[in-house]
Amino acid sequence: MAEKTSWELIESEVLLAGLRRQMLNGEKLTLARMQFEAGAKVPRHHHANEQVTIVVEGLLLLTLDDREIELGEGEMMLIPANVPHSTEALEETISTEIFAPRREDWVVKDDGDPLRTK
C-alpha cells in the first residue's frame, strides 16, 4: 500500500564515520538519502546493484575504475552493477541514491561491513 512519508520521519543511521543514511525500500529498489561530512570517504567497493547518485547539495568526488569525476549540485551519475567505485565528499554533501535491485543487505540490516562485496 502506498503511503506518504518524508525524510524527517525516516530513521537516520551511521553508515561510516562522517556518513549517515536514511532509506526507503520498495519491492524492487532502494532509495537512500546520504549525508556526508566534508572529507568523509566511502572506500572502493562494488555490488550487484545498479546505482544512481544524485547530488542534492555539495560536491562529491567519485572514482570509477581509475577515472575521477566530480559531481556537484544537481548532477547525477549511473554506476553500473559490479563496477568498482569509491566516493569522497569534497564538502558537506547530501545525495540521493537509487539502487536496483534493492539493497537486501541494507533491508535486513545485515551490513555490519556495509561495503563488503555482494
N, C-alpha and C. Protein backbone atom coordinates (compact mmCIF):
# COMPACT_ATOMS: atom_id res chain seq x y z
N MET A 1 0.85 -1.19 0.00
CA MET A 1 0.00 0.00 0.00
C MET A 1 0.89 1.25 0.00
N ALA A 2 0.62 2.16 -0.87
CA ALA A 2 1.39 3.40 -0.96
C ALA A 2 1.07 4.30 0.23
N GLU A 3 2.13 4.82 0.85
CA GLU A 3 1.96 5.71 1.99
C GLU A 3 2.89 6.90 1.86
N LYS A 4 2.40 8.04 2.23
CA LYS A 4 3.20 9.27 2.22
C LYS A 4 4.17 9.26 3.39
N THR A 5 5.39 9.76 3.15
CA THR A 5 6.37 9.90 4.22
C THR A 5 7.29 11.07 3.89
N SER A 6 8.29 11.31 4.72
CA SER A 6 9.29 12.35 4.46
C SER A 6 10.59 11.90 5.11
N TRP A 7 11.70 12.51 4.68
CA TRP A 7 12.99 12.15 5.28
C TRP A 7 13.00 12.42 6.77
N GLU A 8 12.24 13.42 7.23
CA GLU A 8 12.19 13.73 8.67
C GLU A 8 11.59 12.59 9.48
N LEU A 9 10.82 11.71 8.86
CA LEU A 9 10.18 10.60 9.56
C LEU A 9 10.95 9.29 9.45
N ILE A 10 12.00 9.26 8.64
CA ILE A 10 12.75 8.04 8.40
C ILE A 10 14.01 8.02 9.25
N GLU A 11 14.25 6.89 9.90
CA GLU A 11 15.42 6.71 10.76
C GLU A 11 16.72 7.06 10.03
N SER A 12 17.59 7.77 10.73
CA SER A 12 18.91 8.09 10.21
C SER A 12 19.92 7.26 10.98
N GLU A 13 20.84 6.62 10.26
CA GLU A 13 21.82 5.77 10.92
C GLU A 13 23.21 6.04 10.37
N VAL A 14 24.21 5.79 11.20
CA VAL A 14 25.60 5.96 10.79
C VAL A 14 25.98 4.78 9.91
N LEU A 15 26.46 5.07 8.70
CA LEU A 15 26.95 4.03 7.80
C LEU A 15 28.45 3.87 7.98
N LEU A 16 29.16 4.99 7.95
CA LEU A 16 30.61 5.05 8.17
C LEU A 16 30.90 6.35 8.91
N ALA A 17 32.12 6.53 9.38
CA ALA A 17 32.48 7.79 10.02
C ALA A 17 32.22 8.94 9.06
N GLY A 18 31.44 9.92 9.50
CA GLY A 18 31.15 11.09 8.67
C GLY A 18 30.07 10.88 7.63
N LEU A 19 29.37 9.74 7.70
CA LEU A 19 28.34 9.45 6.70
C LEU A 19 27.12 8.81 7.36
N ARG A 20 25.98 9.46 7.15
CA ARG A 20 24.70 8.94 7.66
C ARG A 20 23.82 8.58 6.48
N ARG A 21 22.94 7.60 6.69
CA ARG A 21 22.00 7.21 5.64
C ARG A 21 20.60 7.09 6.19
N GLN A 22 19.67 7.34 5.30
CA GLN A 22 18.26 7.06 5.53
C GLN A 22 17.81 6.30 4.29
N MET A 23 16.84 5.40 4.44
CA MET A 23 16.44 4.65 3.26
C MET A 23 14.96 4.30 3.27
N LEU A 24 14.47 4.16 2.07
CA LEU A 24 13.10 3.74 1.81
C LEU A 24 13.21 2.59 0.82
N ASN A 25 12.64 1.46 1.18
CA ASN A 25 12.75 0.27 0.35
C ASN A 25 11.43 -0.12 -0.27
N GLY A 26 11.45 -0.32 -1.57
CA GLY A 26 10.31 -0.86 -2.27
C GLY A 26 10.55 -2.33 -2.53
N GLU A 27 9.71 -2.90 -3.35
CA GLU A 27 9.86 -4.30 -3.68
C GLU A 27 11.09 -4.54 -4.56
N LYS A 28 11.43 -3.56 -5.42
CA LYS A 28 12.49 -3.76 -6.39
C LYS A 28 13.60 -2.72 -6.34
N LEU A 29 13.51 -1.73 -5.46
CA LEU A 29 14.56 -0.73 -5.38
C LEU A 29 14.72 -0.19 -3.98
N THR A 30 15.88 0.41 -3.75
CA THR A 30 16.16 1.13 -2.50
C THR A 30 16.45 2.58 -2.86
N LEU A 31 15.80 3.49 -2.16
CA LEU A 31 16.05 4.92 -2.28
C LEU A 31 16.72 5.34 -0.97
N ALA A 32 17.85 6.01 -1.07
CA ALA A 32 18.57 6.41 0.15
C ALA A 32 18.95 7.88 0.08
N ARG A 33 18.97 8.49 1.24
CA ARG A 33 19.49 9.86 1.40
C ARG A 33 20.77 9.71 2.20
N MET A 34 21.87 10.20 1.62
CA MET A 34 23.17 10.10 2.26
C MET A 34 23.62 11.51 2.67
N GLN A 35 24.08 11.64 3.91
CA GLN A 35 24.56 12.92 4.42
C GLN A 35 26.03 12.77 4.78
N PHE A 36 26.88 13.42 3.99
CA PHE A 36 28.33 13.34 4.14
C PHE A 36 28.86 14.57 4.87
N GLU A 37 29.74 14.37 5.82
CA GLU A 37 30.55 15.47 6.35
C GLU A 37 31.68 15.69 5.36
N ALA A 38 32.19 16.91 5.28
CA ALA A 38 33.33 17.20 4.40
C ALA A 38 34.47 16.26 4.75
N GLY A 39 35.06 15.66 3.74
CA GLY A 39 36.18 14.75 3.95
C GLY A 39 35.80 13.30 4.15
N ALA A 40 34.52 13.00 4.32
CA ALA A 40 34.10 11.61 4.51
C ALA A 40 34.40 10.80 3.26
N LYS A 41 34.83 9.56 3.46
CA LYS A 41 35.21 8.70 2.34
C LYS A 41 34.50 7.36 2.41
N VAL A 42 34.02 6.91 1.26
CA VAL A 42 33.49 5.56 1.11
C VAL A 42 34.56 4.80 0.33
N PRO A 43 35.18 3.81 0.96
CA PRO A 43 36.26 3.09 0.29
C PRO A 43 35.78 2.37 -0.99
N ARG A 44 36.74 2.04 -1.82
CA ARG A 44 36.47 1.32 -3.08
C ARG A 44 35.71 0.02 -2.77
N HIS A 45 34.63 -0.19 -3.50
CA HIS A 45 33.80 -1.37 -3.32
C HIS A 45 32.99 -1.59 -4.60
N HIS A 46 32.25 -2.65 -4.64
CA HIS A 46 31.31 -2.87 -5.74
C HIS A 46 30.18 -3.75 -5.24
N HIS A 47 29.08 -3.74 -5.96
CA HIS A 47 27.91 -4.52 -5.58
C HIS A 47 27.11 -4.85 -6.83
N ALA A 48 26.24 -5.80 -6.69
CA ALA A 48 25.46 -6.29 -7.83
C ALA A 48 24.34 -5.34 -8.22
N ASN A 49 24.14 -4.28 -7.46
CA ASN A 49 23.06 -3.33 -7.73
C ASN A 49 23.53 -2.23 -8.67
N GLU A 50 22.67 -1.82 -9.60
CA GLU A 50 22.91 -0.57 -10.32
C GLU A 50 22.69 0.55 -9.30
N GLN A 51 23.39 1.65 -9.46
CA GLN A 51 23.28 2.76 -8.52
C GLN A 51 23.22 4.07 -9.29
N VAL A 52 22.28 4.92 -8.91
CA VAL A 52 22.23 6.28 -9.43
C VAL A 52 22.53 7.20 -8.25
N THR A 53 23.52 8.05 -8.41
CA THR A 53 23.88 9.04 -7.38
C THR A 53 23.48 10.42 -7.90
N ILE A 54 22.70 11.14 -7.11
CA ILE A 54 22.24 12.49 -7.45
C ILE A 54 22.67 13.41 -6.32
N VAL A 55 23.47 14.42 -6.62
CA VAL A 55 23.91 15.36 -5.59
C VAL A 55 22.83 16.43 -5.41
N VAL A 56 22.27 16.50 -4.21
CA VAL A 56 21.25 17.49 -3.88
C VAL A 56 21.92 18.81 -3.51
N GLU A 57 22.97 18.72 -2.71
CA GLU A 57 23.79 19.89 -2.38
C GLU A 57 25.18 19.41 -2.01
N GLY A 58 26.18 20.22 -2.33
CA GLY A 58 27.55 19.86 -2.00
C GLY A 58 28.33 19.40 -3.21
N LEU A 59 29.42 18.65 -2.96
CA LEU A 59 30.32 18.23 -4.02
C LEU A 59 30.95 16.89 -3.66
N LEU A 60 30.81 15.91 -4.54
CA LEU A 60 31.41 14.59 -4.35
C LEU A 60 32.46 14.34 -5.42
N LEU A 61 33.47 13.57 -5.04
CA LEU A 61 34.46 13.07 -5.98
C LEU A 61 34.26 11.56 -6.06
N LEU A 62 33.80 11.07 -7.22
CA LEU A 62 33.63 9.64 -7.43
C LEU A 62 34.81 9.11 -8.23
N THR A 63 35.29 7.95 -7.84
CA THR A 63 36.33 7.28 -8.61
C THR A 63 35.75 5.96 -9.08
N LEU A 64 35.65 5.81 -10.40
CA LEU A 64 35.16 4.58 -11.02
C LEU A 64 36.31 4.00 -11.80
N ASP A 65 36.64 2.75 -11.53
CA ASP A 65 37.85 2.17 -12.08
C ASP A 65 38.97 3.13 -11.68
N ASP A 66 39.62 3.78 -12.64
CA ASP A 66 40.67 4.73 -12.29
C ASP A 66 40.34 6.13 -12.80
N ARG A 67 39.06 6.40 -13.02
CA ARG A 67 38.61 7.69 -13.54
C ARG A 67 37.96 8.48 -12.42
N GLU A 68 38.37 9.75 -12.23
CA GLU A 68 37.79 10.61 -11.19
C GLU A 68 36.77 11.55 -11.82
N ILE A 69 35.61 11.66 -11.15
CA ILE A 69 34.52 12.50 -11.65
C ILE A 69 33.97 13.31 -10.48
N GLU A 70 33.93 14.63 -10.63
CA GLU A 70 33.30 15.48 -9.62
C GLU A 70 31.83 15.63 -9.96
N LEU A 71 30.99 15.45 -8.94
CA LEU A 71 29.55 15.65 -9.09
C LEU A 71 29.12 16.77 -8.15
N GLY A 72 28.56 17.81 -8.72
CA GLY A 72 28.08 18.94 -7.93
C GLY A 72 26.55 18.97 -7.87
N GLU A 73 26.05 19.98 -7.21
CA GLU A 73 24.62 20.14 -7.01
C GLU A 73 23.85 19.99 -8.33
N GLY A 74 22.85 19.11 -8.32
CA GLY A 74 22.00 18.89 -9.48
C GLY A 74 22.56 17.91 -10.50
N GLU A 75 23.79 17.45 -10.28
CA GLU A 75 24.39 16.49 -11.22
C GLU A 75 24.16 15.07 -10.73
N MET A 76 24.18 14.13 -11.69
CA MET A 76 23.93 12.74 -11.34
C MET A 76 24.77 11.81 -12.20
N MET A 77 24.88 10.57 -11.72
CA MET A 77 25.66 9.58 -12.45
C MET A 77 25.09 8.20 -12.20
N LEU A 78 25.05 7.39 -13.26
CA LEU A 78 24.67 5.98 -13.16
C LEU A 78 25.94 5.16 -13.01
N ILE A 79 26.00 4.36 -11.96
CA ILE A 79 27.12 3.45 -11.74
C ILE A 79 26.60 2.05 -12.04
N PRO A 80 27.09 1.42 -13.10
CA PRO A 80 26.61 0.09 -13.45
C PRO A 80 26.91 -0.95 -12.37
N ALA A 81 26.18 -2.03 -12.37
CA ALA A 81 26.39 -3.12 -11.41
C ALA A 81 27.82 -3.64 -11.52
N ASN A 82 28.39 -3.97 -10.38
CA ASN A 82 29.70 -4.61 -10.26
C ASN A 82 30.88 -3.76 -10.70
N VAL A 83 30.70 -2.46 -10.90
CA VAL A 83 31.81 -1.57 -11.25
C VAL A 83 32.45 -1.06 -9.95
N PRO A 84 33.72 -1.30 -9.73
CA PRO A 84 34.39 -0.79 -8.52
C PRO A 84 34.33 0.74 -8.48
N HIS A 85 34.00 1.28 -7.31
CA HIS A 85 33.91 2.73 -7.17
C HIS A 85 34.15 3.14 -5.71
N SER A 86 34.53 4.39 -5.55
CA SER A 86 34.70 4.98 -4.22
C SER A 86 34.19 6.41 -4.28
N THR A 87 33.97 6.99 -3.11
CA THR A 87 33.42 8.35 -3.03
C THR A 87 34.13 9.13 -1.94
N GLU A 88 34.37 10.41 -2.20
CA GLU A 88 34.89 11.32 -1.19
C GLU A 88 34.07 12.60 -1.24
N ALA A 89 33.63 13.06 -0.08
CA ALA A 89 32.90 14.32 -0.01
C ALA A 89 33.91 15.47 0.06
N LEU A 90 33.93 16.30 -0.98
CA LEU A 90 34.86 17.43 -1.01
C LEU A 90 34.36 18.58 -0.16
N GLU A 91 33.08 18.54 0.17
CA GLU A 91 32.47 19.48 1.12
C GLU A 91 31.25 18.77 1.71
N GLU A 92 30.62 19.39 2.70
CA GLU A 92 29.41 18.80 3.27
C GLU A 92 28.42 18.57 2.12
N THR A 93 27.89 17.35 2.04
CA THR A 93 27.09 16.97 0.87
C THR A 93 25.89 16.13 1.27
N ILE A 94 24.80 16.34 0.56
CA ILE A 94 23.63 15.47 0.65
C ILE A 94 23.40 14.90 -0.74
N SER A 95 23.27 13.57 -0.80
CA SER A 95 22.97 12.95 -2.09
C SER A 95 21.78 12.01 -1.94
N THR A 96 21.11 11.79 -3.06
CA THR A 96 20.06 10.80 -3.15
C THR A 96 20.63 9.65 -3.96
N GLU A 97 20.46 8.44 -3.46
CA GLU A 97 20.99 7.24 -4.12
C GLU A 97 19.83 6.30 -4.42
N ILE A 98 19.83 5.77 -5.62
CA ILE A 98 18.82 4.80 -6.02
C ILE A 98 19.55 3.52 -6.38
N PHE A 99 19.12 2.41 -5.81
CA PHE A 99 19.72 1.11 -6.09
C PHE A 99 18.66 0.17 -6.64
N ALA A 100 19.01 -0.56 -7.71
CA ALA A 100 18.11 -1.57 -8.24
C ALA A 100 18.96 -2.77 -8.66
N PRO A 101 18.59 -3.98 -8.27
CA PRO A 101 17.50 -4.24 -7.34
C PRO A 101 17.81 -3.66 -5.96
N ARG A 102 16.85 -3.73 -5.08
CA ARG A 102 17.03 -3.12 -3.77
C ARG A 102 18.20 -3.75 -3.01
N ARG A 103 18.73 -3.00 -2.06
CA ARG A 103 19.87 -3.45 -1.26
C ARG A 103 19.38 -4.37 -0.15
N GLU A 104 19.32 -5.65 -0.45
CA GLU A 104 18.82 -6.63 0.53
C GLU A 104 19.65 -6.62 1.80
N ASP A 105 20.97 -6.40 1.70
CA ASP A 105 21.80 -6.34 2.89
C ASP A 105 21.38 -5.19 3.80
N TRP A 106 20.98 -4.07 3.20
CA TRP A 106 20.51 -2.94 4.00
C TRP A 106 19.13 -3.22 4.57
N VAL A 107 18.27 -3.85 3.80
CA VAL A 107 16.89 -4.13 4.22
C VAL A 107 16.89 -4.97 5.49
N VAL A 108 17.71 -6.01 5.53
CA VAL A 108 17.71 -6.92 6.68
C VAL A 108 18.74 -6.51 7.74
N LYS A 109 19.36 -5.34 7.54
CA LYS A 109 20.36 -4.80 8.48
C LYS A 109 21.50 -5.79 8.69
N ASP A 110 21.89 -6.46 7.61
CA ASP A 110 23.00 -7.41 7.64
C ASP A 110 24.21 -6.79 6.96
N ASP A 111 24.52 -5.58 7.35
CA ASP A 111 25.64 -4.88 6.72
C ASP A 111 26.59 -4.33 7.77
N GLY A 112 27.02 -5.22 8.68
CA GLY A 112 28.00 -4.81 9.68
C GLY A 112 29.23 -4.23 9.03
N ASP A 113 29.60 -4.78 7.86
CA ASP A 113 30.61 -4.18 6.99
C ASP A 113 29.84 -3.75 5.75
N PRO A 114 29.29 -2.52 5.75
CA PRO A 114 28.34 -2.12 4.71
C PRO A 114 28.91 -2.08 3.30
N LEU A 115 30.22 -2.18 3.17
CA LEU A 115 30.83 -2.09 1.84
C LEU A 115 31.32 -3.42 1.33
N ARG A 116 31.07 -4.47 2.09
CA ARG A 116 31.58 -5.76 1.61
C ARG A 116 30.93 -6.12 0.27
N THR A 117 31.66 -6.86 -0.51
CA THR A 117 31.19 -7.25 -1.84
C THR A 117 30.03 -8.22 -1.72
N LYS A 118 29.01 -7.97 -2.50
CA LYS A 118 27.84 -8.86 -2.52
C LYS A 118 27.79 -9.56 -3.83
